[in-house]
């Protein structure tokens, strides 16, 4: 692998790791929101919009973790079926990554389109928080676009390098 290829690999792996770290920070934010809401209830105060903010954090955490989970081999895969394909496993993997790439690009396109519509129409959350919806949608867009990049990355690697770069020990654990 060339120096440029190694640099690209490090950059993409760092990008996926960044998504995973951001996802974990949003999980910590959910914990913080729950604790603050509990304290507010105990003291007789109101924390308006806390459930809405926790929901936004949950969505952000879920979407931002997608590419990291794919890169680590933690997504539900069809490895039993792929193992059964024997010498045709590579064709099955190409088909799976192609479908995943298409669907993630499709989802990314419509996520961006939805967010842009929310900005254009000044769409506001119907909850007590009255948050502009494009703000929580931005995390969904980032996560889905990151997933699309990951699928493209692994598909291109599978086609031109011969392996998809998903950590093999994770795959081996699923096939045993």
N, C-alpha and C. Protein backbone atom coordinates (compact mmCIF):
# COMPACT_ATOMS: atom_id res chain seq x y z
N UNK A 1 0.84 -1.17 0.00
CA UNK A 1 0.00 0.00 0.00
C UNK A 1 0.89 1.24 0.00
N UNK A 2 0.54 2.21 -0.80
CA UNK A 2 1.34 3.43 -0.90
C UNK A 2 1.15 4.29 0.33
N UNK A 3 2.02 5.30 0.46
CA UNK A 3 1.90 6.23 1.58
C UNK A 3 0.57 6.98 1.53
N UNK A 4 0.13 7.31 0.31
CA UNK A 4 -1.15 8.00 0.16
C UNK A 4 -2.30 7.09 0.61
N UNK A 5 -2.21 5.83 0.26
CA UNK A 5 -3.23 4.86 0.68
C UNK A 5 -3.26 4.69 2.19
N UNK A 6 -2.08 4.63 2.81
CA UNK A 6 -2.01 4.51 4.27
C UNK A 6 -2.56 5.76 4.93
N UNK A 7 -2.25 6.92 4.37
CA UNK A 7 -2.77 8.17 4.94
C UNK A 7 -4.28 8.23 4.81
N UNK A 8 -4.80 7.81 3.66
CA UNK A 8 -6.25 7.80 3.47
C UNK A 8 -6.91 6.83 4.45
N UNK A 9 -6.30 5.66 4.65
CA UNK A 9 -6.84 4.66 5.58
C UNK A 9 -6.87 5.22 6.99
N UNK A 10 -5.76 5.88 7.41
CA UNK A 10 -5.71 6.47 8.75
C UNK A 10 -6.75 7.57 8.90
N UNK A 11 -6.91 8.39 7.86
CA UNK A 11 -7.91 9.47 7.90
C UNK A 11 -9.32 8.91 8.04
N UNK A 12 -9.66 7.92 7.21
CA UNK A 12 -11.00 7.35 7.25
C UNK A 12 -11.26 6.62 8.57
N UNK A 13 -10.29 5.85 9.04
CA UNK A 13 -10.45 5.19 10.33
C UNK A 13 -10.61 6.21 11.45
N UNK A 14 -9.88 7.31 11.36
CA UNK A 14 -10.02 8.39 12.34
C UNK A 14 -11.39 9.05 12.26
N UNK A 15 -11.91 9.18 11.06
CA UNK A 15 -13.24 9.74 10.86
C UNK A 15 -14.30 8.85 11.50
N UNK A 16 -14.18 7.53 11.30
CA UNK A 16 -15.14 6.60 11.90
C UNK A 16 -15.02 6.61 13.43
N UNK A 17 -13.78 6.68 13.92
CA UNK A 17 -13.56 6.74 15.36
C UNK A 17 -14.15 8.03 15.94
N UNK A 18 -14.01 9.13 15.23
CA UNK A 18 -14.60 10.39 15.68
C UNK A 18 -16.11 10.27 15.80
N UNK A 19 -16.74 9.62 14.83
CA UNK A 19 -18.18 9.38 14.92
C UNK A 19 -18.53 8.56 16.14
N UNK A 20 -17.74 7.53 16.43
CA UNK A 20 -17.97 6.70 17.61
C UNK A 20 -17.80 7.47 18.90
N UNK A 21 -16.79 8.32 18.96
CA UNK A 21 -16.56 9.14 20.16
C UNK A 21 -17.70 10.13 20.35
N UNK A 22 -18.13 10.77 19.27
CA UNK A 22 -19.25 11.70 19.38
C UNK A 22 -20.52 10.97 19.83
N UNK A 23 -20.72 9.76 19.33
CA UNK A 23 -21.89 8.97 19.74
C UNK A 23 -21.84 8.69 21.24
N UNK A 24 -20.66 8.35 21.74
CA UNK A 24 -20.55 8.08 23.18
C UNK A 24 -20.76 9.35 24.00
N UNK A 25 -20.33 10.49 23.48
CA UNK A 25 -20.57 11.75 24.19
C UNK A 25 -22.06 12.08 24.25
N UNK A 26 -22.79 11.75 23.20
CA UNK A 26 -24.24 11.96 23.22
C UNK A 26 -24.91 11.02 24.22
N UNK A 27 -24.38 9.81 24.39
CA UNK A 27 -24.91 8.91 25.43
C UNK A 27 -24.67 9.49 26.82
N UNK A 28 -23.50 10.07 27.02
CA UNK A 28 -23.21 10.73 28.30
C UNK A 28 -24.14 11.92 28.50
N UNK A 29 -24.44 12.64 27.42
CA UNK A 29 -25.37 13.76 27.51
C UNK A 29 -26.76 13.30 27.93
N UNK A 30 -27.17 12.12 27.46
CA UNK A 30 -28.47 11.57 27.88
C UNK A 30 -28.46 11.32 29.38
N UNK A 31 -27.39 10.72 29.88
CA UNK A 31 -27.26 10.50 31.32
C UNK A 31 -27.34 11.81 32.08
N UNK A 32 -26.61 12.80 31.62
CA UNK A 32 -26.62 14.13 32.26
C UNK A 32 -28.03 14.72 32.27
N UNK A 33 -28.73 14.64 31.15
CA UNK A 33 -30.09 15.19 31.07
C UNK A 33 -31.04 14.48 32.03
N UNK A 34 -30.90 13.17 32.14
CA UNK A 34 -31.76 12.41 33.05
C UNK A 34 -31.48 12.80 34.50
N UNK A 35 -30.21 12.92 34.86
CA UNK A 35 -29.85 13.30 36.22
C UNK A 35 -30.35 14.72 36.53
N UNK A 36 -30.15 15.64 35.61
CA UNK A 36 -30.62 17.02 35.82
C UNK A 36 -32.13 17.07 35.94
N UNK A 37 -32.82 16.28 35.14
CA UNK A 37 -34.28 16.24 35.22
C UNK A 37 -34.74 15.66 36.57
N UNK A 38 -34.04 14.64 37.06
CA UNK A 38 -34.38 14.07 38.37
C UNK A 38 -34.17 15.08 39.48
N UNK A 39 -33.05 15.77 39.43
CA UNK A 39 -32.76 16.79 40.45
C UNK A 39 -33.80 17.91 40.37
N UNK A 40 -34.17 18.29 39.18
CA UNK A 40 -35.18 19.34 39.02
C UNK A 40 -36.52 18.91 39.64
N UNK A 41 -36.89 17.67 39.44
CA UNK A 41 -38.15 17.18 40.03
C UNK A 41 -38.08 17.14 41.54
N UNK A 42 -36.93 16.71 42.09
CA UNK A 42 -36.79 16.63 43.54
C UNK A 42 -36.85 18.00 44.18
N UNK A 43 -36.37 19.00 43.47
CA UNK A 43 -36.36 20.36 44.03
C UNK A 43 -37.62 21.14 43.68
N UNK A 44 -38.52 20.53 42.95
CA UNK A 44 -39.77 21.20 42.59
C UNK A 44 -39.65 22.12 41.39
N UNK A 45 -38.53 22.09 40.72
CA UNK A 45 -38.33 22.91 39.53
C UNK A 45 -38.78 22.14 38.29
N UNK A 46 -38.86 22.84 37.19
CA UNK A 46 -39.22 22.20 35.93
C UNK A 46 -38.07 22.35 34.94
N UNK A 47 -37.75 21.27 34.28
CA UNK A 47 -36.73 21.30 33.22
C UNK A 47 -37.48 21.04 31.92
N UNK A 48 -37.98 22.10 31.35
CA UNK A 48 -38.83 22.00 30.16
C UNK A 48 -38.01 21.49 28.98
N UNK A 49 -38.54 20.48 28.32
CA UNK A 49 -37.91 19.97 27.11
C UNK A 49 -36.87 18.90 27.33
N UNK A 50 -36.63 18.48 28.57
CA UNK A 50 -35.59 17.47 28.83
C UNK A 50 -35.85 16.17 28.07
N UNK A 51 -37.08 15.65 28.05
CA UNK A 51 -37.29 14.41 27.27
C UNK A 51 -37.02 14.61 25.78
N UNK A 52 -37.35 15.80 25.27
CA UNK A 52 -37.08 16.08 23.85
C UNK A 52 -35.58 16.10 23.58
N UNK A 53 -34.83 16.77 24.47
CA UNK A 53 -33.38 16.84 24.29
C UNK A 53 -32.75 15.46 24.40
N UNK A 54 -33.25 14.64 25.33
CA UNK A 54 -32.74 13.27 25.46
C UNK A 54 -33.01 12.47 24.19
N UNK A 55 -34.17 12.68 23.60
CA UNK A 55 -34.50 12.01 22.34
C UNK A 55 -33.58 12.45 21.21
N UNK A 56 -33.28 13.74 21.16
CA UNK A 56 -32.35 14.23 20.13
C UNK A 56 -30.96 13.60 20.33
N UNK A 57 -30.54 13.52 21.59
CA UNK A 57 -29.22 12.92 21.88
C UNK A 57 -29.20 11.44 21.52
N UNK A 58 -30.31 10.74 21.76
CA UNK A 58 -30.38 9.32 21.42
C UNK A 58 -30.28 9.13 19.90
N UNK A 59 -30.99 9.95 19.16
CA UNK A 59 -30.92 9.86 17.70
C UNK A 59 -29.51 10.18 17.22
N UNK A 60 -28.91 11.22 17.77
CA UNK A 60 -27.55 11.59 17.36
C UNK A 60 -26.57 10.46 17.68
N UNK A 61 -26.70 9.88 18.86
CA UNK A 61 -25.81 8.79 19.24
C UNK A 61 -25.97 7.59 18.31
N UNK A 62 -27.20 7.26 18.00
CA UNK A 62 -27.46 6.10 17.13
C UNK A 62 -26.87 6.30 15.74
N UNK A 63 -27.12 7.45 15.15
CA UNK A 63 -26.67 7.67 13.78
C UNK A 63 -25.16 7.87 13.69
N UNK A 64 -24.57 8.57 14.66
CA UNK A 64 -23.13 8.82 14.60
C UNK A 64 -22.32 7.54 14.82
N UNK A 65 -22.90 6.56 15.47
CA UNK A 65 -22.18 5.31 15.74
C UNK A 65 -22.22 4.32 14.58
N UNK A 66 -23.04 4.56 13.57
CA UNK A 66 -23.23 3.58 12.49
C UNK A 66 -21.94 3.23 11.76
N UNK A 67 -21.18 4.23 11.33
CA UNK A 67 -19.96 3.96 10.56
C UNK A 67 -18.90 3.29 11.42
N UNK A 68 -18.78 3.71 12.67
CA UNK A 68 -17.81 3.10 13.57
C UNK A 68 -18.15 1.63 13.79
N UNK A 69 -19.43 1.35 14.00
CA UNK A 69 -19.86 -0.04 14.21
C UNK A 69 -19.62 -0.88 12.95
N UNK A 70 -19.88 -0.32 11.78
CA UNK A 70 -19.61 -1.05 10.54
C UNK A 70 -18.12 -1.36 10.41
N UNK A 71 -17.29 -0.38 10.69
CA UNK A 71 -15.84 -0.55 10.56
C UNK A 71 -15.31 -1.60 11.55
N UNK A 72 -15.95 -1.72 12.69
CA UNK A 72 -15.52 -2.69 13.71
C UNK A 72 -16.18 -4.05 13.53
N UNK A 73 -17.08 -4.19 12.55
CA UNK A 73 -17.73 -5.47 12.32
C UNK A 73 -18.86 -5.76 13.30
N UNK A 74 -19.45 -4.72 13.89
CA UNK A 74 -20.49 -4.90 14.90
C UNK A 74 -21.91 -4.81 14.36
N UNK A 75 -22.08 -4.62 13.09
CA UNK A 75 -23.42 -4.61 12.52
C UNK A 75 -23.89 -6.05 12.32
N UNK A 76 -25.18 -6.22 12.33
CA UNK A 76 -25.72 -7.55 12.02
C UNK A 76 -25.39 -7.82 10.56
N UNK A 77 -24.71 -8.91 10.34
CA UNK A 77 -24.29 -9.25 8.98
C UNK A 77 -24.84 -10.60 8.60
N UNK A 78 -24.67 -10.92 7.40
CA UNK A 78 -25.13 -12.21 6.89
C UNK A 78 -23.93 -13.15 6.76
N UNK A 79 -23.08 -13.15 7.79
CA UNK A 79 -21.84 -13.92 7.71
C UNK A 79 -22.08 -15.41 7.61
N UNK A 80 -23.16 -15.92 8.21
CA UNK A 80 -23.44 -17.35 8.05
C UNK A 80 -23.72 -17.68 6.59
N UNK A 81 -24.51 -16.83 5.95
CA UNK A 81 -24.81 -17.04 4.54
C UNK A 81 -23.55 -16.87 3.69
N UNK A 82 -22.76 -15.84 4.01
CA UNK A 82 -21.53 -15.62 3.24
C UNK A 82 -20.56 -16.78 3.42
N UNK A 83 -20.48 -17.33 4.62
CA UNK A 83 -19.60 -18.48 4.85
C UNK A 83 -20.06 -19.69 4.06
N UNK A 84 -21.37 -19.83 3.93
CA UNK A 84 -21.92 -20.97 3.18
C UNK A 84 -21.67 -20.84 1.68
N UNK A 85 -21.35 -19.64 1.22
CA UNK A 85 -21.12 -19.45 -0.22
C UNK A 85 -19.80 -20.04 -0.69
N UNK A 86 -18.91 -20.32 0.26
CA UNK A 86 -17.63 -20.94 -0.10
C UNK A 86 -16.80 -20.07 -1.02
N UNK A 87 -16.48 -20.60 -2.21
CA UNK A 87 -15.62 -19.86 -3.14
C UNK A 87 -16.33 -18.65 -3.75
N UNK A 88 -17.64 -18.56 -3.59
CA UNK A 88 -18.41 -17.41 -4.11
C UNK A 88 -18.64 -16.33 -3.04
N UNK A 89 -17.95 -16.46 -1.91
CA UNK A 89 -18.12 -15.50 -0.82
C UNK A 89 -17.82 -14.07 -1.27
N UNK A 90 -16.78 -13.89 -2.04
CA UNK A 90 -16.40 -12.54 -2.48
C UNK A 90 -17.53 -11.91 -3.28
N UNK A 91 -18.19 -12.68 -4.14
CA UNK A 91 -19.32 -12.15 -4.92
C UNK A 91 -20.45 -11.75 -3.98
N UNK A 92 -20.70 -12.57 -2.97
CA UNK A 92 -21.73 -12.24 -1.99
C UNK A 92 -21.40 -10.98 -1.22
N UNK A 93 -20.12 -10.82 -0.84
CA UNK A 93 -19.71 -9.62 -0.12
C UNK A 93 -19.84 -8.39 -1.02
N UNK A 94 -19.46 -8.52 -2.27
CA UNK A 94 -19.60 -7.39 -3.20
C UNK A 94 -21.08 -7.00 -3.32
N UNK A 95 -21.95 -8.01 -3.42
CA UNK A 95 -23.38 -7.72 -3.53
C UNK A 95 -23.87 -7.03 -2.26
N UNK A 96 -23.48 -7.54 -1.09
CA UNK A 96 -23.92 -6.95 0.19
C UNK A 96 -23.44 -5.51 0.34
N UNK A 97 -22.17 -5.28 0.05
CA UNK A 97 -21.64 -3.92 0.17
C UNK A 97 -22.24 -2.99 -0.88
N UNK A 98 -22.55 -3.51 -2.05
CA UNK A 98 -23.18 -2.69 -3.09
C UNK A 98 -24.58 -2.26 -2.65
N UNK A 99 -25.36 -3.19 -2.12
CA UNK A 99 -26.70 -2.86 -1.63
C UNK A 99 -26.61 -1.89 -0.45
N UNK A 100 -25.68 -2.15 0.47
CA UNK A 100 -25.49 -1.24 1.61
C UNK A 100 -25.08 0.16 1.17
N UNK A 101 -24.21 0.23 0.18
CA UNK A 101 -23.78 1.54 -0.35
C UNK A 101 -24.95 2.27 -0.97
N UNK A 102 -25.72 1.57 -1.80
CA UNK A 102 -26.88 2.19 -2.44
C UNK A 102 -27.88 2.70 -1.41
N UNK A 103 -28.22 1.85 -0.43
CA UNK A 103 -29.21 2.25 0.56
C UNK A 103 -28.73 3.39 1.45
N UNK A 104 -27.44 3.37 1.83
CA UNK A 104 -26.93 4.45 2.67
C UNK A 104 -26.85 5.77 1.89
N UNK A 105 -26.51 5.71 0.61
CA UNK A 105 -26.52 6.93 -0.21
C UNK A 105 -27.94 7.46 -0.39
N UNK A 106 -28.89 6.55 -0.59
CA UNK A 106 -30.30 6.92 -0.72
C UNK A 106 -30.78 7.60 0.55
N UNK A 107 -30.47 6.99 1.70
CA UNK A 107 -30.87 7.55 2.99
C UNK A 107 -30.18 8.89 3.23
N UNK A 108 -28.90 8.99 2.90
CA UNK A 108 -28.17 10.24 3.10
C UNK A 108 -28.78 11.36 2.26
N UNK A 109 -29.12 11.05 1.01
CA UNK A 109 -29.72 12.06 0.13
C UNK A 109 -31.01 12.60 0.73
N UNK A 110 -31.88 11.71 1.19
CA UNK A 110 -33.15 12.16 1.73
C UNK A 110 -33.02 12.78 3.12
N UNK A 111 -32.02 12.38 3.89
CA UNK A 111 -31.77 13.02 5.17
C UNK A 111 -31.33 14.47 4.96
N UNK A 112 -30.45 14.68 3.98
CA UNK A 112 -30.01 16.04 3.65
C UNK A 112 -31.19 16.86 3.14
N UNK A 113 -31.97 16.25 2.27
CA UNK A 113 -33.13 16.94 1.71
C UNK A 113 -34.13 17.33 2.81
N UNK A 114 -34.35 16.44 3.77
CA UNK A 114 -35.25 16.73 4.88
C UNK A 114 -34.71 17.86 5.74
N UNK A 115 -33.42 17.82 6.04
CA UNK A 115 -32.83 18.88 6.85
C UNK A 115 -32.91 20.23 6.13
N UNK A 116 -32.62 20.23 4.84
CA UNK A 116 -32.70 21.49 4.09
C UNK A 116 -34.14 22.02 4.06
N UNK A 117 -35.12 21.12 3.97
CA UNK A 117 -36.52 21.53 4.03
C UNK A 117 -36.87 22.13 5.38
N UNK A 118 -36.34 21.55 6.45
CA UNK A 118 -36.58 22.09 7.79
C UNK A 118 -35.99 23.48 7.94
N UNK A 119 -34.84 23.69 7.33
CA UNK A 119 -34.24 25.03 7.38
C UNK A 119 -35.08 26.00 6.56
N UNK A 120 -35.46 25.60 5.38
CA UNK A 120 -36.24 26.46 4.47
C UNK A 120 -37.59 26.86 5.08
N UNK A 121 -38.27 25.89 5.71
CA UNK A 121 -39.61 26.15 6.24
C UNK A 121 -39.59 26.60 7.70
N UNK A 122 -38.39 26.74 8.27
CA UNK A 122 -38.25 27.13 9.68
C UNK A 122 -39.08 26.20 10.56
N UNK A 123 -38.92 24.90 10.34
CA UNK A 123 -39.66 23.87 11.06
C UNK A 123 -39.19 23.82 12.51
N UNK A 124 -40.13 23.88 13.43
CA UNK A 124 -39.85 23.91 14.86
C UNK A 124 -40.42 22.65 15.51
N UNK A 125 -39.73 22.15 16.51
CA UNK A 125 -40.18 20.97 17.24
C UNK A 125 -41.55 21.24 17.87
N UNK A 126 -42.47 20.26 17.81
CA UNK A 126 -43.79 20.47 18.42
C UNK A 126 -43.77 20.35 19.95
N UNK A 127 -42.64 19.93 20.53
CA UNK A 127 -42.53 19.78 21.98
C UNK A 127 -42.37 21.12 22.67
N UNK A 128 -42.23 21.05 23.99
CA UNK A 128 -42.08 22.26 24.80
C UNK A 128 -40.76 22.98 24.56
N UNK A 129 -39.81 22.30 23.98
CA UNK A 129 -38.49 22.89 23.78
C UNK A 129 -38.45 23.87 22.61
N UNK A 130 -39.33 23.72 21.63
CA UNK A 130 -39.41 24.58 20.44
C UNK A 130 -38.05 24.75 19.76
N UNK A 131 -37.36 23.64 19.58
CA UNK A 131 -36.05 23.64 18.92
C UNK A 131 -36.23 23.61 17.41
N UNK A 132 -35.48 24.41 16.66
CA UNK A 132 -35.51 24.27 15.20
C UNK A 132 -35.07 22.84 14.84
N UNK A 133 -35.87 22.15 14.06
CA UNK A 133 -35.62 20.73 13.80
C UNK A 133 -34.34 20.45 13.02
N UNK A 134 -33.82 21.43 12.30
CA UNK A 134 -32.61 21.16 11.53
C UNK A 134 -31.42 20.90 12.45
N UNK A 135 -31.48 21.37 13.69
CA UNK A 135 -30.36 21.18 14.61
C UNK A 135 -30.21 19.70 14.98
N UNK A 136 -31.25 19.01 15.48
CA UNK A 136 -31.06 17.58 15.73
C UNK A 136 -30.94 16.76 14.45
N UNK A 137 -31.53 17.23 13.36
CA UNK A 137 -31.42 16.51 12.10
C UNK A 137 -30.00 16.54 11.56
N UNK A 138 -29.22 17.55 11.95
CA UNK A 138 -27.84 17.66 11.48
C UNK A 138 -27.01 16.45 11.92
N UNK A 139 -27.24 15.96 13.13
CA UNK A 139 -26.50 14.79 13.60
C UNK A 139 -26.90 13.55 12.80
N UNK A 140 -28.18 13.45 12.44
CA UNK A 140 -28.63 12.32 11.63
C UNK A 140 -27.96 12.38 10.26
N UNK A 141 -27.91 13.55 9.67
CA UNK A 141 -27.28 13.72 8.36
C UNK A 141 -25.80 13.36 8.44
N UNK A 142 -25.11 13.85 9.48
CA UNK A 142 -23.69 13.54 9.63
C UNK A 142 -23.47 12.04 9.77
N UNK A 143 -24.28 11.39 10.59
CA UNK A 143 -24.12 9.96 10.80
C UNK A 143 -24.40 9.13 9.55
N UNK A 144 -25.45 9.48 8.84
CA UNK A 144 -25.79 8.71 7.63
C UNK A 144 -24.77 8.97 6.52
N UNK A 145 -24.30 10.20 6.39
CA UNK A 145 -23.27 10.49 5.39
C UNK A 145 -21.97 9.75 5.74
N UNK A 146 -21.65 9.69 7.01
CA UNK A 146 -20.47 8.94 7.45
C UNK A 146 -20.63 7.46 7.15
N UNK A 147 -21.83 6.93 7.35
CA UNK A 147 -22.10 5.53 7.01
C UNK A 147 -21.94 5.29 5.51
N UNK A 148 -22.45 6.22 4.70
CA UNK A 148 -22.31 6.08 3.24
C UNK A 148 -20.84 6.08 2.84
N UNK A 149 -20.05 6.97 3.45
CA UNK A 149 -18.61 7.01 3.18
C UNK A 149 -17.97 5.68 3.56
N UNK A 150 -18.38 5.13 4.70
CA UNK A 150 -17.81 3.86 5.15
C UNK A 150 -18.16 2.72 4.18
N UNK A 151 -19.42 2.68 3.74
CA UNK A 151 -19.79 1.63 2.79
C UNK A 151 -19.02 1.78 1.48
N UNK A 152 -18.89 3.01 0.98
CA UNK A 152 -18.13 3.24 -0.25
C UNK A 152 -16.68 2.82 -0.05
N UNK A 153 -16.10 3.20 1.08
CA UNK A 153 -14.72 2.86 1.41
C UNK A 153 -14.52 1.35 1.38
N UNK A 154 -15.38 0.62 2.07
CA UNK A 154 -15.21 -0.83 2.16
C UNK A 154 -15.51 -1.52 0.82
N UNK A 155 -16.47 -1.01 0.07
CA UNK A 155 -16.76 -1.58 -1.24
C UNK A 155 -15.59 -1.38 -2.20
N UNK A 156 -15.03 -0.17 -2.23
CA UNK A 156 -13.89 0.11 -3.11
C UNK A 156 -12.70 -0.75 -2.71
N UNK A 157 -12.46 -0.87 -1.42
CA UNK A 157 -11.35 -1.72 -0.96
C UNK A 157 -11.57 -3.17 -1.36
N UNK A 158 -12.82 -3.63 -1.22
CA UNK A 158 -13.12 -5.02 -1.60
C UNK A 158 -12.90 -5.24 -3.09
N UNK A 159 -13.30 -4.27 -3.90
CA UNK A 159 -13.18 -4.42 -5.35
C UNK A 159 -11.73 -4.32 -5.83
N UNK A 160 -10.97 -3.37 -5.27
CA UNK A 160 -9.66 -3.08 -5.83
C UNK A 160 -8.48 -3.62 -5.02
N UNK A 161 -8.68 -3.82 -3.72
CA UNK A 161 -7.59 -4.33 -2.90
C UNK A 161 -7.78 -5.81 -2.59
N UNK A 162 -9.05 -6.22 -2.52
CA UNK A 162 -9.32 -7.63 -2.27
C UNK A 162 -9.90 -7.92 -0.89
N UNK A 163 -9.83 -6.95 0.03
CA UNK A 163 -10.48 -7.13 1.33
C UNK A 163 -11.22 -5.84 1.69
N UNK A 164 -12.17 -5.96 2.58
CA UNK A 164 -13.04 -4.81 2.90
C UNK A 164 -12.60 -4.04 4.12
N UNK A 165 -11.57 -4.47 4.82
CA UNK A 165 -10.98 -3.77 5.95
C UNK A 165 -11.86 -3.78 7.20
N UNK A 166 -12.91 -4.57 7.23
CA UNK A 166 -13.65 -4.72 8.48
C UNK A 166 -12.83 -5.66 9.34
N UNK A 167 -12.68 -5.31 10.59
CA UNK A 167 -11.80 -6.07 11.45
C UNK A 167 -12.20 -7.54 11.48
N UNK A 168 -11.29 -8.38 11.05
CA UNK A 168 -11.58 -9.79 10.86
C UNK A 168 -11.89 -10.54 12.14
N UNK A 169 -11.29 -10.12 13.27
CA UNK A 169 -11.58 -10.85 14.50
C UNK A 169 -13.05 -10.70 14.89
N UNK A 170 -13.67 -9.58 14.54
CA UNK A 170 -15.09 -9.41 14.81
C UNK A 170 -15.90 -10.35 13.92
N UNK A 171 -15.48 -10.49 12.68
CA UNK A 171 -16.17 -11.39 11.76
C UNK A 171 -15.99 -12.85 12.16
N UNK A 172 -14.79 -13.20 12.60
CA UNK A 172 -14.53 -14.57 13.01
C UNK A 172 -15.38 -14.95 14.22
N UNK A 173 -15.60 -14.02 15.11
CA UNK A 173 -16.41 -14.29 16.31
C UNK A 173 -17.86 -14.56 15.90
N UNK A 174 -18.35 -13.93 14.84
CA UNK A 174 -19.73 -14.12 14.40
C UNK A 174 -19.91 -15.45 13.65
N UNK A 175 -18.86 -15.95 13.05
CA UNK A 175 -18.99 -17.16 12.24
C UNK A 175 -18.72 -18.43 13.02
N UNK A 176 -18.17 -18.31 14.24
CA UNK A 176 -17.86 -19.50 15.04
C UNK A 176 -19.11 -20.06 15.68
